[in-house]
Amino acid sequence: MINVFEVGNQIRFVHVVEQTDLATFETGNVHPFYSTFALGRDAEWTCRQFVLQMKENDEEGIGTFLNIRHKSPAMLGDTVEFIATVSVLEGHQIDCTFVAKVGDRIVAEGEQGQKILKKEKLDRLVNQIING
């Protein structure tokens, strides 16, 4: 693992809300807003940008938690800016806080964690689960 970051470092990601990001389930569209599910995906992607710069070729990141608190809606076509901030760097664990905004308005905030592991360890975990 290459530790090129420190607590307080930030990364930004911008996403334009698309039709596939809206709260739609098997029963149809619930409302015309950016869904919690899609927001969580994009928040995790933003935080993962740290991991992509830290992991070595024989390593991979794995999520450890995701917490989202909606503050206001984002609608179809809105440009949402995510700002992830490193809050914890301990060993192979990297935790971030994030905020998602449309302009100056906060859409959501939360926390996300990842652990950087050797790929061989992940393979062992997968085999252990599959083979009992």
N, C-alpha and C. Protein backbone atom coordinates (compact mmCIF):
# COMPACT_ATOMS: atom_id res chain seq x y z
N MET A 1 0.85 -1.18 0.00
CA MET A 1 0.00 0.00 0.00
C MET A 1 0.90 1.24 0.00
N ILE A 2 0.55 2.17 -0.84
CA ILE A 2 1.28 3.43 -0.93
C ILE A 2 0.45 4.49 -0.21
N ASN A 3 0.94 5.01 0.89
CA ASN A 3 0.17 6.00 1.63
C ASN A 3 0.61 7.40 1.22
N VAL A 4 -0.12 7.96 0.26
CA VAL A 4 0.20 9.28 -0.27
C VAL A 4 -0.72 10.37 0.28
N PHE A 5 -1.62 9.96 1.21
CA PHE A 5 -2.60 10.91 1.74
C PHE A 5 -2.44 11.06 3.24
N GLU A 6 -3.08 12.09 3.76
CA GLU A 6 -3.14 12.29 5.20
C GLU A 6 -4.55 12.77 5.55
N VAL A 7 -4.90 12.66 6.82
CA VAL A 7 -6.20 13.11 7.28
C VAL A 7 -6.41 14.57 6.85
N GLY A 8 -7.57 14.84 6.29
CA GLY A 8 -7.89 16.19 5.82
C GLY A 8 -7.80 16.35 4.32
N ASN A 9 -7.09 15.44 3.62
CA ASN A 9 -7.01 15.53 2.15
C ASN A 9 -8.39 15.32 1.55
N GLN A 10 -8.65 15.99 0.42
CA GLN A 10 -9.96 15.93 -0.22
C GLN A 10 -9.86 15.53 -1.68
N ILE A 11 -10.93 14.91 -2.15
CA ILE A 11 -11.09 14.58 -3.57
C ILE A 11 -12.52 14.96 -3.95
N ARG A 12 -12.68 15.45 -5.18
CA ARG A 12 -13.99 15.86 -5.68
C ARG A 12 -14.40 14.98 -6.85
N PHE A 13 -15.71 14.78 -6.98
CA PHE A 13 -16.30 14.04 -8.09
C PHE A 13 -17.61 14.73 -8.42
N VAL A 14 -17.89 14.88 -9.70
CA VAL A 14 -19.12 15.54 -10.15
C VAL A 14 -19.96 14.53 -10.93
N HIS A 15 -21.25 14.51 -10.62
CA HIS A 15 -22.18 13.60 -11.30
C HIS A 15 -23.46 14.36 -11.65
N VAL A 16 -23.91 14.21 -12.89
CA VAL A 16 -25.18 14.78 -13.32
C VAL A 16 -26.25 13.70 -13.15
N VAL A 17 -27.31 14.02 -12.42
CA VAL A 17 -28.37 13.05 -12.12
C VAL A 17 -29.08 12.65 -13.41
N GLU A 18 -29.09 11.34 -13.67
CA GLU A 18 -29.71 10.78 -14.86
C GLU A 18 -30.99 10.03 -14.48
N GLN A 19 -31.76 9.67 -15.48
CA GLN A 19 -33.01 8.93 -15.26
C GLN A 19 -32.76 7.67 -14.44
N THR A 20 -31.67 6.97 -14.71
CA THR A 20 -31.37 5.72 -14.00
C THR A 20 -30.97 5.95 -12.54
N ASP A 21 -30.75 7.20 -12.14
CA ASP A 21 -30.40 7.53 -10.75
C ASP A 21 -31.62 7.81 -9.88
N LEU A 22 -32.80 7.91 -10.49
CA LEU A 22 -34.00 8.25 -9.75
C LEU A 22 -34.51 7.05 -8.94
N ALA A 23 -35.33 7.34 -7.96
CA ALA A 23 -35.87 6.29 -7.08
C ALA A 23 -36.96 5.51 -7.82
N THR A 24 -36.54 4.46 -8.50
CA THR A 24 -37.44 3.62 -9.27
C THR A 24 -37.22 2.16 -8.88
N PHE A 25 -38.29 1.47 -8.61
CA PHE A 25 -38.23 0.06 -8.22
C PHE A 25 -39.13 -0.75 -9.14
N GLU A 26 -39.30 -2.03 -8.83
CA GLU A 26 -40.14 -2.90 -9.65
C GLU A 26 -41.57 -2.38 -9.79
N THR A 27 -42.03 -1.66 -8.77
CA THR A 27 -43.40 -1.13 -8.79
C THR A 27 -43.51 0.22 -9.50
N GLY A 28 -42.39 0.76 -9.96
CA GLY A 28 -42.40 2.02 -10.69
C GLY A 28 -41.61 3.11 -9.99
N ASN A 29 -41.75 4.31 -10.53
CA ASN A 29 -41.02 5.46 -10.00
C ASN A 29 -41.67 5.93 -8.70
N VAL A 30 -40.85 6.11 -7.67
CA VAL A 30 -41.34 6.54 -6.36
C VAL A 30 -41.45 8.06 -6.30
N HIS A 31 -40.40 8.72 -6.78
CA HIS A 31 -40.37 10.18 -6.83
C HIS A 31 -39.27 10.60 -7.81
N PRO A 32 -39.27 11.86 -8.24
CA PRO A 32 -38.33 12.29 -9.28
C PRO A 32 -36.97 12.76 -8.73
N PHE A 33 -36.53 12.18 -7.62
CA PHE A 33 -35.29 12.61 -6.97
C PHE A 33 -34.19 11.56 -7.07
N TYR A 34 -32.96 12.03 -6.94
CA TYR A 34 -31.76 11.19 -6.87
C TYR A 34 -31.97 10.21 -5.72
N SER A 35 -31.95 8.93 -6.02
CA SER A 35 -32.24 7.93 -5.01
C SER A 35 -31.09 7.77 -4.01
N THR A 36 -31.44 7.29 -2.84
CA THR A 36 -30.42 7.02 -1.83
C THR A 36 -29.43 5.98 -2.34
N PHE A 37 -29.94 4.98 -3.04
CA PHE A 37 -29.09 3.92 -3.59
C PHE A 37 -28.05 4.51 -4.54
N ALA A 38 -28.48 5.34 -5.50
CA ALA A 38 -27.56 5.92 -6.48
C ALA A 38 -26.61 6.91 -5.80
N LEU A 39 -27.13 7.67 -4.86
CA LEU A 39 -26.28 8.61 -4.13
C LEU A 39 -25.18 7.86 -3.37
N GLY A 40 -25.56 6.73 -2.75
CA GLY A 40 -24.57 5.92 -2.04
C GLY A 40 -23.51 5.37 -2.97
N ARG A 41 -23.92 4.91 -4.14
CA ARG A 41 -22.97 4.40 -5.14
C ARG A 41 -21.96 5.48 -5.50
N ASP A 42 -22.45 6.69 -5.74
CA ASP A 42 -21.56 7.77 -6.17
C ASP A 42 -20.71 8.30 -5.02
N ALA A 43 -21.24 8.28 -3.81
CA ALA A 43 -20.43 8.66 -2.64
C ALA A 43 -19.30 7.66 -2.46
N GLU A 44 -19.62 6.37 -2.58
CA GLU A 44 -18.58 5.34 -2.43
C GLU A 44 -17.54 5.46 -3.53
N TRP A 45 -17.98 5.75 -4.74
CA TRP A 45 -17.04 5.94 -5.86
C TRP A 45 -16.10 7.11 -5.58
N THR A 46 -16.64 8.18 -5.05
CA THR A 46 -15.81 9.35 -4.72
C THR A 46 -14.75 8.98 -3.70
N CYS A 47 -15.15 8.32 -2.63
CA CYS A 47 -14.20 7.92 -1.59
C CYS A 47 -13.20 6.91 -2.11
N ARG A 48 -13.62 6.06 -3.03
CA ARG A 48 -12.73 5.04 -3.60
C ARG A 48 -11.57 5.65 -4.37
N GLN A 49 -11.71 6.90 -4.81
CA GLN A 49 -10.62 7.54 -5.55
C GLN A 49 -9.32 7.57 -4.74
N PHE A 50 -9.44 7.68 -3.42
CA PHE A 50 -8.24 7.61 -2.57
C PHE A 50 -7.61 6.23 -2.69
N VAL A 51 -8.43 5.19 -2.57
CA VAL A 51 -7.94 3.81 -2.62
C VAL A 51 -7.25 3.52 -3.94
N LEU A 52 -7.82 4.00 -5.05
CA LEU A 52 -7.23 3.73 -6.36
C LEU A 52 -5.81 4.29 -6.47
N GLN A 53 -5.54 5.36 -5.74
CA GLN A 53 -4.20 5.94 -5.77
C GLN A 53 -3.27 5.31 -4.72
N MET A 54 -3.85 4.59 -3.77
CA MET A 54 -3.05 4.00 -2.68
C MET A 54 -2.72 2.53 -2.89
N LYS A 55 -3.61 1.79 -3.53
CA LYS A 55 -3.40 0.35 -3.65
C LYS A 55 -2.31 0.03 -4.68
N GLU A 56 -1.62 -1.05 -4.39
CA GLU A 56 -0.61 -1.54 -5.33
C GLU A 56 -1.26 -2.60 -6.22
N ASN A 57 -0.52 -3.08 -7.23
CA ASN A 57 -1.09 -4.01 -8.21
C ASN A 57 -1.62 -5.30 -7.58
N ASP A 58 -1.05 -5.71 -6.46
CA ASP A 58 -1.47 -6.96 -5.82
C ASP A 58 -2.49 -6.71 -4.70
N GLU A 59 -3.11 -5.53 -4.71
CA GLU A 59 -4.05 -5.16 -3.66
C GLU A 59 -5.38 -4.70 -4.27
N GLU A 60 -6.40 -4.69 -3.42
CA GLU A 60 -7.71 -4.19 -3.82
C GLU A 60 -8.39 -3.60 -2.60
N GLY A 61 -9.32 -2.68 -2.85
CA GLY A 61 -10.09 -2.06 -1.77
C GLY A 61 -11.41 -2.78 -1.60
N ILE A 62 -11.87 -2.84 -0.36
CA ILE A 62 -13.15 -3.46 -0.05
C ILE A 62 -13.89 -2.54 0.92
N GLY A 63 -15.15 -2.28 0.64
CA GLY A 63 -15.92 -1.39 1.49
C GLY A 63 -16.18 -1.99 2.87
N THR A 64 -16.18 -1.15 3.89
CA THR A 64 -16.43 -1.61 5.25
C THR A 64 -17.69 -1.00 5.84
N PHE A 65 -18.10 0.18 5.37
CA PHE A 65 -19.37 0.76 5.81
C PHE A 65 -19.73 1.94 4.93
N LEU A 66 -21.01 2.29 4.96
CA LEU A 66 -21.52 3.46 4.23
C LEU A 66 -22.69 4.01 5.03
N ASN A 67 -22.64 5.31 5.33
CA ASN A 67 -23.70 5.98 6.08
C ASN A 67 -24.07 7.25 5.32
N ILE A 68 -25.36 7.39 5.00
CA ILE A 68 -25.84 8.54 4.23
C ILE A 68 -26.98 9.21 4.98
N ARG A 69 -26.92 10.54 5.06
CA ARG A 69 -28.02 11.32 5.62
C ARG A 69 -28.47 12.33 4.56
N HIS A 70 -29.68 12.10 4.02
CA HIS A 70 -30.22 13.05 3.05
C HIS A 70 -30.61 14.35 3.75
N LYS A 71 -30.30 15.47 3.14
CA LYS A 71 -30.65 16.78 3.68
C LYS A 71 -31.66 17.50 2.79
N SER A 72 -31.53 17.30 1.47
CA SER A 72 -32.46 17.91 0.51
C SER A 72 -32.36 17.13 -0.80
N PRO A 73 -33.37 17.26 -1.67
CA PRO A 73 -33.37 16.46 -2.90
C PRO A 73 -32.49 17.04 -4.01
N ALA A 74 -32.04 16.13 -4.87
CA ALA A 74 -31.43 16.52 -6.14
C ALA A 74 -32.33 15.91 -7.21
N MET A 75 -32.55 16.65 -8.28
CA MET A 75 -33.50 16.23 -9.31
C MET A 75 -32.78 15.86 -10.60
N LEU A 76 -33.52 15.24 -11.48
CA LEU A 76 -33.03 14.87 -12.79
C LEU A 76 -32.36 16.08 -13.44
N GLY A 77 -31.14 15.89 -13.92
CA GLY A 77 -30.39 16.97 -14.59
C GLY A 77 -29.54 17.81 -13.67
N ASP A 78 -29.75 17.71 -12.35
CA ASP A 78 -28.92 18.48 -11.41
C ASP A 78 -27.47 17.98 -11.44
N THR A 79 -26.55 18.91 -11.29
CA THR A 79 -25.14 18.57 -11.16
C THR A 79 -24.81 18.49 -9.68
N VAL A 80 -24.40 17.31 -9.24
CA VAL A 80 -24.09 17.07 -7.83
C VAL A 80 -22.58 16.96 -7.68
N GLU A 81 -22.03 17.77 -6.80
CA GLU A 81 -20.60 17.72 -6.50
C GLU A 81 -20.41 16.98 -5.18
N PHE A 82 -19.60 15.94 -5.22
CA PHE A 82 -19.23 15.19 -4.03
C PHE A 82 -17.84 15.64 -3.59
N ILE A 83 -17.68 15.86 -2.32
CA ILE A 83 -16.38 16.18 -1.75
C ILE A 83 -16.11 15.17 -0.64
N ALA A 84 -15.10 14.34 -0.84
CA ALA A 84 -14.71 13.34 0.15
C ALA A 84 -13.47 13.83 0.87
N THR A 85 -13.47 13.65 2.19
CA THR A 85 -12.35 14.08 3.03
C THR A 85 -11.87 12.90 3.86
N VAL A 86 -10.57 12.63 3.83
CA VAL A 86 -10.01 11.56 4.64
C VAL A 86 -10.18 11.93 6.11
N SER A 87 -10.82 11.02 6.88
CA SER A 87 -11.02 11.27 8.31
C SER A 87 -10.19 10.32 9.18
N VAL A 88 -9.90 9.13 8.65
CA VAL A 88 -9.11 8.14 9.40
C VAL A 88 -8.19 7.41 8.44
N LEU A 89 -6.93 7.31 8.81
CA LEU A 89 -5.94 6.48 8.10
C LEU A 89 -5.24 5.66 9.18
N GLU A 90 -5.62 4.40 9.31
CA GLU A 90 -5.01 3.53 10.31
C GLU A 90 -4.71 2.20 9.67
N GLY A 91 -3.44 1.88 9.55
CA GLY A 91 -3.06 0.62 8.91
C GLY A 91 -3.57 0.60 7.49
N HIS A 92 -4.41 -0.41 7.21
CA HIS A 92 -4.96 -0.55 5.85
C HIS A 92 -6.38 0.00 5.75
N GLN A 93 -6.86 0.66 6.79
CA GLN A 93 -8.21 1.23 6.81
C GLN A 93 -8.14 2.71 6.41
N ILE A 94 -9.05 3.10 5.51
CA ILE A 94 -9.19 4.51 5.15
C ILE A 94 -10.68 4.86 5.24
N ASP A 95 -11.01 5.79 6.11
CA ASP A 95 -12.38 6.26 6.27
C ASP A 95 -12.47 7.70 5.77
N CYS A 96 -13.61 8.01 5.21
CA CYS A 96 -13.84 9.35 4.68
C CYS A 96 -15.18 9.88 5.16
N THR A 97 -15.27 11.18 5.29
CA THR A 97 -16.56 11.85 5.36
C THR A 97 -16.82 12.38 3.96
N PHE A 98 -18.08 12.59 3.64
CA PHE A 98 -18.38 13.17 2.33
C PHE A 98 -19.58 14.09 2.46
N VAL A 99 -19.62 15.03 1.54
CA VAL A 99 -20.77 15.91 1.40
C VAL A 99 -21.11 15.95 -0.09
N ALA A 100 -22.41 15.93 -0.39
CA ALA A 100 -22.89 16.05 -1.77
C ALA A 100 -23.70 17.33 -1.85
N LYS A 101 -23.39 18.15 -2.85
CA LYS A 101 -24.04 19.46 -2.97
C LYS A 101 -24.53 19.71 -4.38
N VAL A 102 -25.62 20.47 -4.47
CA VAL A 102 -26.06 21.07 -5.72
C VAL A 102 -25.89 22.57 -5.49
N GLY A 103 -24.89 23.15 -6.13
CA GLY A 103 -24.54 24.54 -5.83
C GLY A 103 -24.08 24.62 -4.39
N ASP A 104 -24.66 25.53 -3.64
CA ASP A 104 -24.30 25.68 -2.22
C ASP A 104 -25.20 24.85 -1.30
N ARG A 105 -26.22 24.21 -1.88
CA ARG A 105 -27.18 23.45 -1.08
C ARG A 105 -26.68 22.03 -0.83
N ILE A 106 -26.67 21.61 0.43
CA ILE A 106 -26.25 20.26 0.78
C ILE A 106 -27.38 19.29 0.50
N VAL A 107 -27.09 18.28 -0.31
CA VAL A 107 -28.04 17.23 -0.65
C VAL A 107 -27.92 16.09 0.35
N ALA A 108 -26.67 15.73 0.68
CA ALA A 108 -26.44 14.63 1.61
C ALA A 108 -25.05 14.75 2.21
N GLU A 109 -24.88 14.06 3.32
CA GLU A 109 -23.57 13.95 3.93
C GLU A 109 -23.49 12.59 4.59
N GLY A 110 -22.27 12.17 4.87
CA GLY A 110 -22.13 10.86 5.49
C GLY A 110 -20.70 10.44 5.63
N GLU A 111 -20.53 9.13 5.83
CA GLU A 111 -19.22 8.55 6.01
C GLU A 111 -19.14 7.26 5.21
N GLN A 112 -17.91 6.92 4.82
CA GLN A 112 -17.68 5.69 4.07
C GLN A 112 -16.32 5.16 4.46
N GLY A 113 -16.18 3.84 4.55
CA GLY A 113 -14.91 3.24 4.91
C GLY A 113 -14.51 2.16 3.93
N GLN A 114 -13.19 2.01 3.77
CA GLN A 114 -12.65 0.95 2.95
C GLN A 114 -11.38 0.41 3.60
N LYS A 115 -11.08 -0.81 3.25
CA LYS A 115 -9.86 -1.45 3.70
C LYS A 115 -9.11 -1.92 2.47
N ILE A 116 -7.82 -1.73 2.46
CA ILE A 116 -7.00 -2.20 1.34
C ILE A 116 -6.37 -3.53 1.75
N LEU A 117 -6.68 -4.56 0.97
CA LEU A 117 -6.21 -5.91 1.26
C LEU A 117 -5.43 -6.48 0.08
N LYS A 118 -4.60 -7.44 0.36
CA LYS A 118 -3.94 -8.18 -0.71
C LYS A 118 -5.00 -8.95 -1.48
N LYS A 119 -4.88 -9.01 -2.80
CA LYS A 119 -5.85 -9.75 -3.62
C LYS A 119 -5.91 -11.21 -3.21
N GLU A 120 -4.77 -11.79 -2.82
CA GLU A 120 -4.77 -13.19 -2.41
C GLU A 120 -5.61 -13.40 -1.15
N LYS A 121 -5.64 -12.43 -0.26
CA LYS A 121 -6.47 -12.53 0.94
C LYS A 121 -7.95 -12.48 0.55
N LEU A 122 -8.30 -11.58 -0.38
CA LEU A 122 -9.68 -11.51 -0.86
C LEU A 122 -10.08 -12.83 -1.51
N ASP A 123 -9.18 -13.41 -2.31
CA ASP A 123 -9.45 -14.69 -2.95
C ASP A 123 -9.71 -15.77 -1.90
N ARG A 124 -8.90 -15.79 -0.83
CA ARG A 124 -9.09 -16.76 0.24
C ARG A 124 -10.46 -16.58 0.91
N LEU A 125 -10.84 -15.32 1.15
CA LEU A 125 -12.15 -15.04 1.75
C LEU A 125 -13.29 -15.54 0.86
N VAL A 126 -13.19 -15.28 -0.42
CA VAL A 126 -14.21 -15.73 -1.37
C VAL A 126 -14.29 -17.25 -1.37
N ASN A 127 -13.14 -17.91 -1.44
CA ASN A 127 -13.13 -19.38 -1.45
C ASN A 127 -13.68 -19.95 -0.15
N GLN A 128 -13.38 -19.30 0.95
CA GLN A 128 -13.87 -19.75 2.26
C GLN A 128 -15.39 -19.67 2.30
N ILE A 129 -15.95 -18.61 1.78
CA ILE A 129 -17.41 -18.45 1.76
C ILE A 129 -18.06 -19.46 0.80
N ILE A 130 -17.48 -19.61 -0.37
CA ILE A 130 -18.05 -20.53 -1.37
C ILE A 130 -17.95 -21.99 -0.89
N ASN A 131 -16.82 -22.34 -0.32
CA ASN A 131 -16.58 -23.74 0.05
C ASN A 131 -16.93 -24.04 1.50
N GLY A 132 -17.39 -23.03 2.22
CA GLY A 132 -17.82 -23.23 3.62
C GLY A 132 -16.67 -23.38 4.50
